[in-house]
Amino acid sequence: MALTTQDIHATADTLAEQGVKPTLAEVRKALGGG
């Protein structure tokens, strides 16, 4: 399944809400790849 911009934005929002800086590496880790 291809990642969408919405998937990535939602993941970045979730990380930010958790107090985690949504870097490319953190977002990729949270998404499980990409």
PDB file of all heavy atoms in Angstrom:
ATOM      1  N   MET A   1       0.846  -1.185   0.000  1.00  0.00           N
ATOM      2  CA  MET A   1       0.000   0.000   0.000  1.00  0.00           C
ATOM      3  C   MET A   1       0.891   1.248   0.000  1.00  0.00           C
ATOM      4  O   MET A   1       1.806   1.385   0.800  1.00  0.00           O
ATOM      5  CB  MET A   1      -0.888  -0.012   1.248  1.00  0.00           C
ATOM      6  CG  MET A   1      -1.789   1.188   1.346  1.00  0.00           C
ATOM      7  SD  MET A   1      -2.931   1.045   2.716  1.00  0.00           S
ATOM      8  CE  MET A   1      -2.269   2.278   3.783  1.00  0.00           C
ATOM      9  N   ALA A   2       0.623   2.133  -0.898  1.00  0.00           N
ATOM     10  CA  ALA A   2       1.405   3.372  -1.011  1.00  0.00           C
ATOM     11  C   ALA A   2       0.971   4.372   0.060  1.00  0.00           C
ATOM     12  O   ALA A   2      -0.203   4.470   0.403  1.00  0.00           O
ATOM     13  CB  ALA A   2       1.204   3.981  -2.395  1.00  0.00           C
ATOM     14  N   LEU A   3       1.951   5.078   0.584  1.00  0.00           N
ATOM     15  CA  LEU A   3       1.651   6.114   1.568  1.00  0.00           C
ATOM     16  C   LEU A   3       1.053   7.327   0.886  1.00  0.00           C
ATOM     17  O   LEU A   3       1.478   7.709  -0.193  1.00  0.00           O
ATOM     18  CB  LEU A   3       2.937   6.541   2.284  1.00  0.00           C
ATOM     19  CG  LEU A   3       3.598   5.521   3.184  1.00  0.00           C
ATOM     20  CD1 LEU A   3       4.930   6.059   3.673  1.00  0.00           C
ATOM     21  CD2 LEU A   3       2.700   5.189   4.356  1.00  0.00           C
ATOM     22  N   THR A   4       0.087   7.918   1.547  1.00  0.00           N
ATOM     23  CA  THR A   4      -0.497   9.151   1.030  1.00  0.00           C
ATOM     24  C   THR A   4       0.007  10.328   1.868  1.00  0.00           C
ATOM     25  O   THR A   4       0.484  10.149   2.996  1.00  0.00           O
ATOM     26  CB  THR A   4      -2.036   9.124   1.101  1.00  0.00           C
ATOM     27  OG1 THR A   4      -2.427   9.096   2.484  1.00  0.00           O
ATOM     28  CG2 THR A   4      -2.610   7.919   0.367  1.00  0.00           C
ATOM     29  N   THR A   5      -0.125  11.496   1.312  1.00  0.00           N
ATOM     30  CA  THR A   5       0.224  12.708   2.042  1.00  0.00           C
ATOM     31  C   THR A   5      -0.594  12.788   3.321  1.00  0.00           C
ATOM     32  O   THR A   5      -0.068  13.154   4.384  1.00  0.00           O
ATOM     33  CB  THR A   5      -0.009  13.946   1.155  1.00  0.00           C
ATOM     34  OG1 THR A   5       0.847  13.846   0.020  1.00  0.00           O
ATOM     35  CG2 THR A   5       0.285  15.232   1.892  1.00  0.00           C
ATOM     36  N   GLN A   6      -1.859  12.393   3.261  1.00  0.00           N
ATOM     37  CA  GLN A   6      -2.724  12.427   4.435  1.00  0.00           C
ATOM     38  C   GLN A   6      -2.210  11.480   5.520  1.00  0.00           C
ATOM     39  O   GLN A   6      -2.249  11.819   6.710  1.00  0.00           O
ATOM     40  CB  GLN A   6      -4.174  12.074   4.064  1.00  0.00           C
ATOM     41  CG  GLN A   6      -4.866  13.112   3.220  1.00  0.00           C
ATOM     42  CD  GLN A   6      -4.520  13.009   1.720  1.00  0.00           C
ATOM     43  OE1 GLN A   6      -3.830  12.102   1.277  1.00  0.00           O
ATOM     44  NE2 GLN A   6      -4.985  13.976   0.951  1.00  0.00           N
ATOM     45  N   ASP A   7      -1.735  10.290   5.127  1.00  0.00           N
ATOM     46  CA  ASP A   7      -1.175   9.344   6.097  1.00  0.00           C
ATOM     47  C   ASP A   7       0.029   9.959   6.810  1.00  0.00           C
ATOM     48  O   ASP A   7       0.165   9.860   8.035  1.00  0.00           O
ATOM     49  CB  ASP A   7      -0.695   8.056   5.406  1.00  0.00           C
ATOM     50  CG  ASP A   7      -1.792   7.231   4.789  1.00  0.00           C
ATOM     51  OD1 ASP A   7      -2.947   7.283   5.268  1.00  0.00           O
ATOM     52  OD2 ASP A   7      -1.487   6.503   3.818  1.00  0.00           O
ATOM     53  N   ILE A   8       0.886  10.585   6.032  1.00  0.00           N
ATOM     54  CA  ILE A   8       2.112  11.168   6.571  1.00  0.00           C
ATOM     55  C   ILE A   8       1.779  12.352   7.477  1.00  0.00           C
ATOM     56  O   ILE A   8       2.338  12.484   8.572  1.00  0.00           O
ATOM     57  CB  ILE A   8       3.064  11.551   5.428  1.00  0.00           C
ATOM     58  CG1 ILE A   8       3.490  10.267   4.691  1.00  0.00           C
ATOM     59  CG2 ILE A   8       4.268  12.330   5.938  1.00  0.00           C
ATOM     60  CD1 ILE A   8       4.133  10.488   3.343  1.00  0.00           C
ATOM     61  N   HIS A   9       0.853  13.197   7.048  1.00  0.00           N
ATOM     62  CA  HIS A   9       0.449  14.340   7.874  1.00  0.00           C
ATOM     63  C   HIS A   9      -0.163  13.866   9.183  1.00  0.00           C
ATOM     64  O   HIS A   9       0.127  14.425  10.248  1.00  0.00           O
ATOM     65  CB  HIS A   9      -0.545  15.222   7.125  1.00  0.00           C
ATOM     66  CG  HIS A   9       0.073  16.054   6.058  1.00  0.00           C
ATOM     67  ND1 HIS A   9      -0.591  17.109   5.476  1.00  0.00           N
ATOM     68  CD2 HIS A   9       1.280  16.004   5.447  1.00  0.00           C
ATOM     69  CE1 HIS A   9       0.178  17.672   4.558  1.00  0.00           C
ATOM     70  NE2 HIS A   9       1.324  17.002   4.523  1.00  0.00           N
ATOM     71  N   ALA A  10      -1.007  12.860   9.132  1.00  0.00           N
ATOM     72  CA  ALA A  10      -1.651  12.340  10.335  1.00  0.00           C
ATOM     73  C   ALA A  10      -0.605  11.778  11.293  1.00  0.00           C
ATOM     74  O   ALA A  10      -0.694  11.988  12.514  1.00  0.00           O
ATOM     75  CB  ALA A  10      -2.676  11.266   9.971  1.00  0.00           C
ATOM     76  N   THR A  11       0.375  11.090  10.760  1.00  0.00           N
ATOM     77  CA  THR A  11       1.439  10.535  11.594  1.00  0.00           C
ATOM     78  C   THR A  11       2.258  11.652  12.221  1.00  0.00           C
ATOM     79  O   THR A  11       2.586  11.606  13.416  1.00  0.00           O
ATOM     80  CB  THR A  11       2.329   9.590  10.774  1.00  0.00           C
ATOM     81  OG1 THR A  11       1.511   8.525  10.256  1.00  0.00           O
ATOM     82  CG2 THR A  11       3.458   9.020  11.602  1.00  0.00           C
ATOM     83  N   ALA A  12       2.584  12.675  11.443  1.00  0.00           N
ATOM     84  CA  ALA A  12       3.335  13.818  11.970  1.00  0.00           C
ATOM     85  C   ALA A  12       2.535  14.521  13.066  1.00  0.00           C
ATOM     86  O   ALA A  12       3.092  14.900  14.100  1.00  0.00           O
ATOM     87  CB  ALA A  12       3.681  14.795  10.846  1.00  0.00           C
ATOM     88  N   ASP A  13       1.235  14.673  12.859  1.00  0.00           N
ATOM     89  CA  ASP A  13       0.371  15.291  13.878  1.00  0.00           C
ATOM     90  C   ASP A  13       0.393  14.474  15.168  1.00  0.00           C
ATOM     91  O   ASP A  13       0.507  15.028  16.259  1.00  0.00           O
ATOM     92  CB  ASP A  13      -1.070  15.387  13.377  1.00  0.00           C
ATOM     93  CG  ASP A  13      -1.276  16.469  12.330  1.00  0.00           C
ATOM     94  OD1 ASP A  13      -0.460  17.414  12.272  1.00  0.00           O
ATOM     95  OD2 ASP A  13      -2.256  16.359  11.567  1.00  0.00           O
ATOM     96  N   THR A  14       0.274  13.166  15.042  1.00  0.00           N
ATOM     97  CA  THR A  14       0.265  12.282  16.207  1.00  0.00           C
ATOM     98  C   THR A  14       1.583  12.381  16.969  1.00  0.00           C
ATOM     99  O   THR A  14       1.583  12.492  18.201  1.00  0.00           O
ATOM    100  CB  THR A  14       0.003  10.821  15.781  1.00  0.00           C
ATOM    101  OG1 THR A  14      -1.275  10.758  15.147  1.00  0.00           O
ATOM    102  CG2 THR A  14       0.035   9.879  16.974  1.00  0.00           C
ATOM    103  N   LEU A  15       2.682  12.345  16.239  1.00  0.00           N
ATOM    104  CA  LEU A  15       3.989  12.464  16.889  1.00  0.00           C
ATOM    105  C   LEU A  15       4.110  13.795  17.622  1.00  0.00           C
ATOM    106  O   LEU A  15       4.552  13.837  18.780  1.00  0.00           O
ATOM    107  CB  LEU A  15       5.112  12.316  15.867  1.00  0.00           C
ATOM    108  CG  LEU A  15       5.325  10.914  15.301  1.00  0.00           C
ATOM    109  CD1 LEU A  15       6.309  10.947  14.134  1.00  0.00           C
ATOM    110  CD2 LEU A  15       5.802   9.952  16.377  1.00  0.00           C
ATOM    111  N   ALA A  16       3.707  14.871  16.966  1.00  0.00           N
ATOM    112  CA  ALA A  16       3.798  16.202  17.577  1.00  0.00           C
ATOM    113  C   ALA A  16       2.940  16.267  18.841  1.00  0.00           C
ATOM    114  O   ALA A  16       3.364  16.828  19.854  1.00  0.00           O
ATOM    115  CB  ALA A  16       3.384  17.271  16.576  1.00  0.00           C
ATOM    116  N   GLU A  17       1.750  15.685  18.798  1.00  0.00           N
ATOM    117  CA  GLU A  17       0.862  15.668  19.966  1.00  0.00           C
ATOM    118  C   GLU A  17       1.469  14.883  21.118  1.00  0.00           C
ATOM    119  O   GLU A  17       1.196  15.164  22.280  1.00  0.00           O
ATOM    120  CB  GLU A  17      -0.497  15.078  19.593  1.00  0.00           C
ATOM    121  CG  GLU A  17      -1.330  15.984  18.711  1.00  0.00           C
ATOM    122  CD  GLU A  17      -2.536  15.290  18.096  1.00  0.00           C
ATOM    123  OE1 GLU A  17      -2.777  14.097  18.396  1.00  0.00           O
ATOM    124  OE2 GLU A  17      -3.226  15.942  17.294  1.00  0.00           O
ATOM    125  N   GLN A  18       2.302  13.892  20.789  1.00  0.00           N
ATOM    126  CA  GLN A  18       2.968  13.067  21.804  1.00  0.00           C
ATOM    127  C   GLN A  18       4.250  13.726  22.315  1.00  0.00           C
ATOM    128  O   GLN A  18       4.940  13.165  23.155  1.00  0.00           O
ATOM    129  CB  GLN A  18       3.294  11.688  21.236  1.00  0.00           C
ATOM    130  CG  GLN A  18       2.085  10.865  20.898  1.00  0.00           C
ATOM    131  CD  GLN A  18       2.430   9.582  20.153  1.00  0.00           C
ATOM    132  OE1 GLN A  18       3.548   9.387  19.692  1.00  0.00           O
ATOM    133  NE2 GLN A  18       1.451   8.700  20.022  1.00  0.00           N
ATOM    134  N   GLY A  19       4.571  14.893  21.766  1.00  0.00           N
ATOM    135  CA  GLY A  19       5.772  15.593  22.179  1.00  0.00           C
ATOM    136  C   GLY A  19       7.036  15.123  21.475  1.00  0.00           C
ATOM    137  O   GLY A  19       8.143  15.444  21.893  1.00  0.00           O
ATOM    138  N   VAL A  20       6.863  14.357  20.396  1.00  0.00           N
ATOM    139  CA  VAL A  20       7.989  13.859  19.620  1.00  0.00           C
ATOM    140  C   VAL A  20       8.138  14.743  18.391  1.00  0.00           C
ATOM    141  O   VAL A  20       7.159  14.971  17.666  1.00  0.00           O
ATOM    142  CB  VAL A  20       7.759  12.387  19.176  1.00  0.00           C
ATOM    143  CG1 VAL A  20       8.890  11.902  18.289  1.00  0.00           C
ATOM    144  CG2 VAL A  20       7.573  11.493  20.382  1.00  0.00           C
ATOM    145  N   LYS A  21       9.339  15.248  18.161  1.00  0.00           N
ATOM    146  CA  LYS A  21       9.565  16.078  16.972  1.00  0.00           C
ATOM    147  C   LYS A  21       9.404  15.191  15.733  1.00  0.00           C
ATOM    148  O   LYS A  21      10.108  14.185  15.591  1.00  0.00           O
ATOM    149  CB  LYS A  21      10.962  16.687  17.012  1.00  0.00           C
ATOM    150  CG  LYS A  21      11.213  17.629  15.867  1.00  0.00           C
ATOM    151  CD  LYS A  21      12.556  18.309  15.978  1.00  0.00           C
ATOM    152  CE  LYS A  21      12.740  19.259  14.799  1.00  0.00           C
ATOM    153  NZ  LYS A  21      14.013  19.971  14.899  1.00  0.00           N
ATOM    154  N   PRO A  22       8.490  15.553  14.836  1.00  0.00           N
ATOM    155  CA  PRO A  22       8.234  14.716  13.669  1.00  0.00           C
ATOM    156  C   PRO A  22       9.299  14.882  12.572  1.00  0.00           C
ATOM    157  O   PRO A  22       9.066  15.512  11.546  1.00  0.00           O
ATOM    158  CB  PRO A  22       6.846  15.150  13.194  1.00  0.00           C
ATOM    159  CG  PRO A  22       6.697  16.535  13.695  1.00  0.00           C
ATOM    160  CD  PRO A  22       7.521  16.639  14.948  1.00  0.00           C
ATOM    161  N   THR A  23      10.469  14.316  12.808  1.00  0.00           N
ATOM    162  CA  THR A  23      11.521  14.323  11.789  1.00  0.00           C
ATOM    163  C   THR A  23      11.188  13.278  10.731  1.00  0.00           C
ATOM    164  O   THR A  23      10.307  12.424  10.937  1.00  0.00           O
ATOM    165  CB  THR A  23      12.876  13.977  12.428  1.00  0.00           C
ATOM    166  OG1 THR A  23      12.803  12.640  12.963  1.00  0.00           O
ATOM    167  CG2 THR A  23      13.253  14.956  13.528  1.00  0.00           C
ATOM    168  N   LEU A  24      11.908  13.320   9.633  1.00  0.00           N
ATOM    169  CA  LEU A  24      11.685  12.315   8.585  1.00  0.00           C
ATOM    170  C   LEU A  24      11.886  10.909   9.140  1.00  0.00           C
ATOM    171  O   LEU A  24      11.091  10.002   8.869  1.00  0.00           O
ATOM    172  CB  LEU A  24      12.631  12.543   7.408  1.00  0.00           C
ATOM    173  CG  LEU A  24      12.482  13.851   6.643  1.00  0.00           C
ATOM    174  CD1 LEU A  24      13.490  13.900   5.497  1.00  0.00           C
ATOM    175  CD2 LEU A  24      11.085  14.030   6.114  1.00  0.00           C
ATOM    176  N   ALA A  25      12.948  10.733   9.921  1.00  0.00           N
ATOM    177  CA  ALA A  25      13.237   9.408  10.482  1.00  0.00           C
ATOM    178  C   ALA A  25      12.146   8.962  11.451  1.00  0.00           C
ATOM    179  O   ALA A  25      11.725   7.792  11.414  1.00  0.00           O
ATOM    180  CB  ALA A  25      14.592   9.420  11.170  1.00  0.00           C
ATOM    181  N   GLU A  26      11.662   9.874  12.308  1.00  0.00           N
ATOM    182  CA  GLU A  26      10.610   9.519  13.274  1.00  0.00           C
ATOM    183  C   GLU A  26       9.304   9.180  12.564  1.00  0.00           C
ATOM    184  O   GLU A  26       8.603   8.239  12.946  1.00  0.00           O
ATOM    185  CB  GLU A  26      10.391  10.643  14.290  1.00  0.00           C
ATOM    186  CG  GLU A  26      11.496  10.777  15.309  1.00  0.00           C
ATOM    187  CD  GLU A  26      11.592   9.605  16.274  1.00  0.00           C
ATOM    188  OE1 GLU A  26      10.611   8.856  16.464  1.00  0.00           O
ATOM    189  OE2 GLU A  26      12.678   9.433  16.848  1.00  0.00           O
ATOM    190  N   VAL A  27       8.967   9.966  11.550  1.00  0.00           N
ATOM    191  CA  VAL A  27       7.729   9.704  10.803  1.00  0.00           C
ATOM    192  C   VAL A  27       7.836   8.362  10.087  1.00  0.00           C
ATOM    193  O   VAL A  27       6.913   7.546  10.128  1.00  0.00           O
ATOM    194  CB  VAL A  27       7.427  10.852   9.810  1.00  0.00           C
ATOM    195  CG1 VAL A  27       6.288  10.484   8.875  1.00  0.00           C
ATOM    196  CG2 VAL A  27       7.108  12.134  10.570  1.00  0.00           C
ATOM    197  N   ARG A  28       8.972   8.114   9.461  1.00  0.00           N
ATOM    198  CA  ARG A  28       9.180   6.849   8.748  1.00  0.00           C
ATOM    199  C   ARG A  28       9.094   5.670   9.715  1.00  0.00           C
ATOM    200  O   ARG A  28       8.473   4.650   9.412  1.00  0.00           O
ATOM    201  CB  ARG A  28      10.529   6.862   8.037  1.00  0.00           C
ATOM    202  CG  ARG A  28      10.755   5.659   7.157  1.00  0.00           C
ATOM    203  CD  ARG A  28      12.049   5.854   6.351  1.00  0.00           C
ATOM    204  NE  ARG A  28      12.174   4.857   5.330  1.00  0.00           N
ATOM    205  CZ  ARG A  28      12.894   3.739   5.461  1.00  0.00           C
ATOM    206  NH1 ARG A  28      13.553   3.507   6.585  1.00  0.00           N
ATOM    207  NH2 ARG A  28      12.960   2.875   4.477  1.00  0.00           N
ATOM    208  N   LYS A  29       9.705   5.819  10.879  1.00  0.00           N
ATOM    209  CA  LYS A  29       9.659   4.761  11.893  1.00  0.00           C
ATOM    210  C   LYS A  29       8.224   4.506  12.342  1.00  0.00           C
ATOM    211  O   LYS A  29       7.791   3.356  12.433  1.00  0.00           O
ATOM    212  CB  LYS A  29      10.538   5.162  13.076  1.00  0.00           C
ATOM    213  CG  LYS A  29      10.657   4.115  14.158  1.00  0.00           C
ATOM    214  CD  LYS A  29      11.733   4.524  15.149  1.00  0.00           C
ATOM    215  CE  LYS A  29      11.102   4.935  16.451  1.00  0.00           C
ATOM    216  NZ  LYS A  29      12.085   5.317  17.471  1.00  0.00           N
ATOM    217  N   ALA A  30       7.483   5.577  12.604  1.00  0.00           N
ATOM    218  CA  ALA A  30       6.095   5.441  13.047  1.00  0.00           C
ATOM    219  C   ALA A  30       5.205   4.812  11.972  1.00  0.00           C
ATOM    220  O   ALA A  30       4.266   4.086  12.289  1.00  0.00           O
ATOM    221  CB  ALA A  30       5.537   6.798  13.459  1.00  0.00           C
ATOM    222  N   LEU A  31       5.529   5.094  10.720  1.00  0.00           N
ATOM    223  CA  LEU A  31       4.754   4.530   9.610  1.00  0.00           C
ATOM    224  C   LEU A  31       5.139   3.077   9.328  1.00  0.00           C
ATOM    225  O   LEU A  31       4.426   2.374   8.619  1.00  0.00           O
ATOM    226  CB  LEU A  31       4.964   5.354   8.339  1.00  0.00           C
ATOM    227  CG  LEU A  31       4.326   6.734   8.316  1.00  0.00           C
ATOM    228  CD1 LEU A  31       4.888   7.560   7.175  1.00  0.00           C
ATOM    229  CD2 LEU A  31       2.809   6.612   8.199  1.00  0.00           C
ATOM    230  N   GLY A  32       6.288   2.672   9.829  1.00  0.00           N
ATOM    231  CA  GLY A  32       6.755   1.313   9.565  1.00  0.00           C
ATOM    232  C   GLY A  32       7.496   1.192   8.250  1.00  0.00           C
ATOM    233  O   GLY A  32       7.656   0.103   7.707  1.00  0.00           O
ATOM    234  N   GLY A  33       7.947   2.305   7.703  1.00  0.00           N
ATOM    235  CA  GLY A  33       8.699   2.291   6.448  1.00  0.00           C
ATOM    236  C   GLY A  33       8.205   3.377   5.522  1.00  0.00           C
ATOM    237  O   GLY A  33       7.422   4.237   5.908  1.00  0.00           O
ATOM    238  N   GLY A  34       8.678   3.325   4.314  1.00  0.00           N
ATOM    239  CA  GLY A  34       8.287   4.306   3.311  1.00  0.00           C
ATOM    240  C   GLY A  34       9.492   4.998   2.715  1.00  0.00           C
ATOM    241  O   GLY A  34      10.582   4.994   3.290  1.00  0.00           O
TER     242      GLY A  34
END
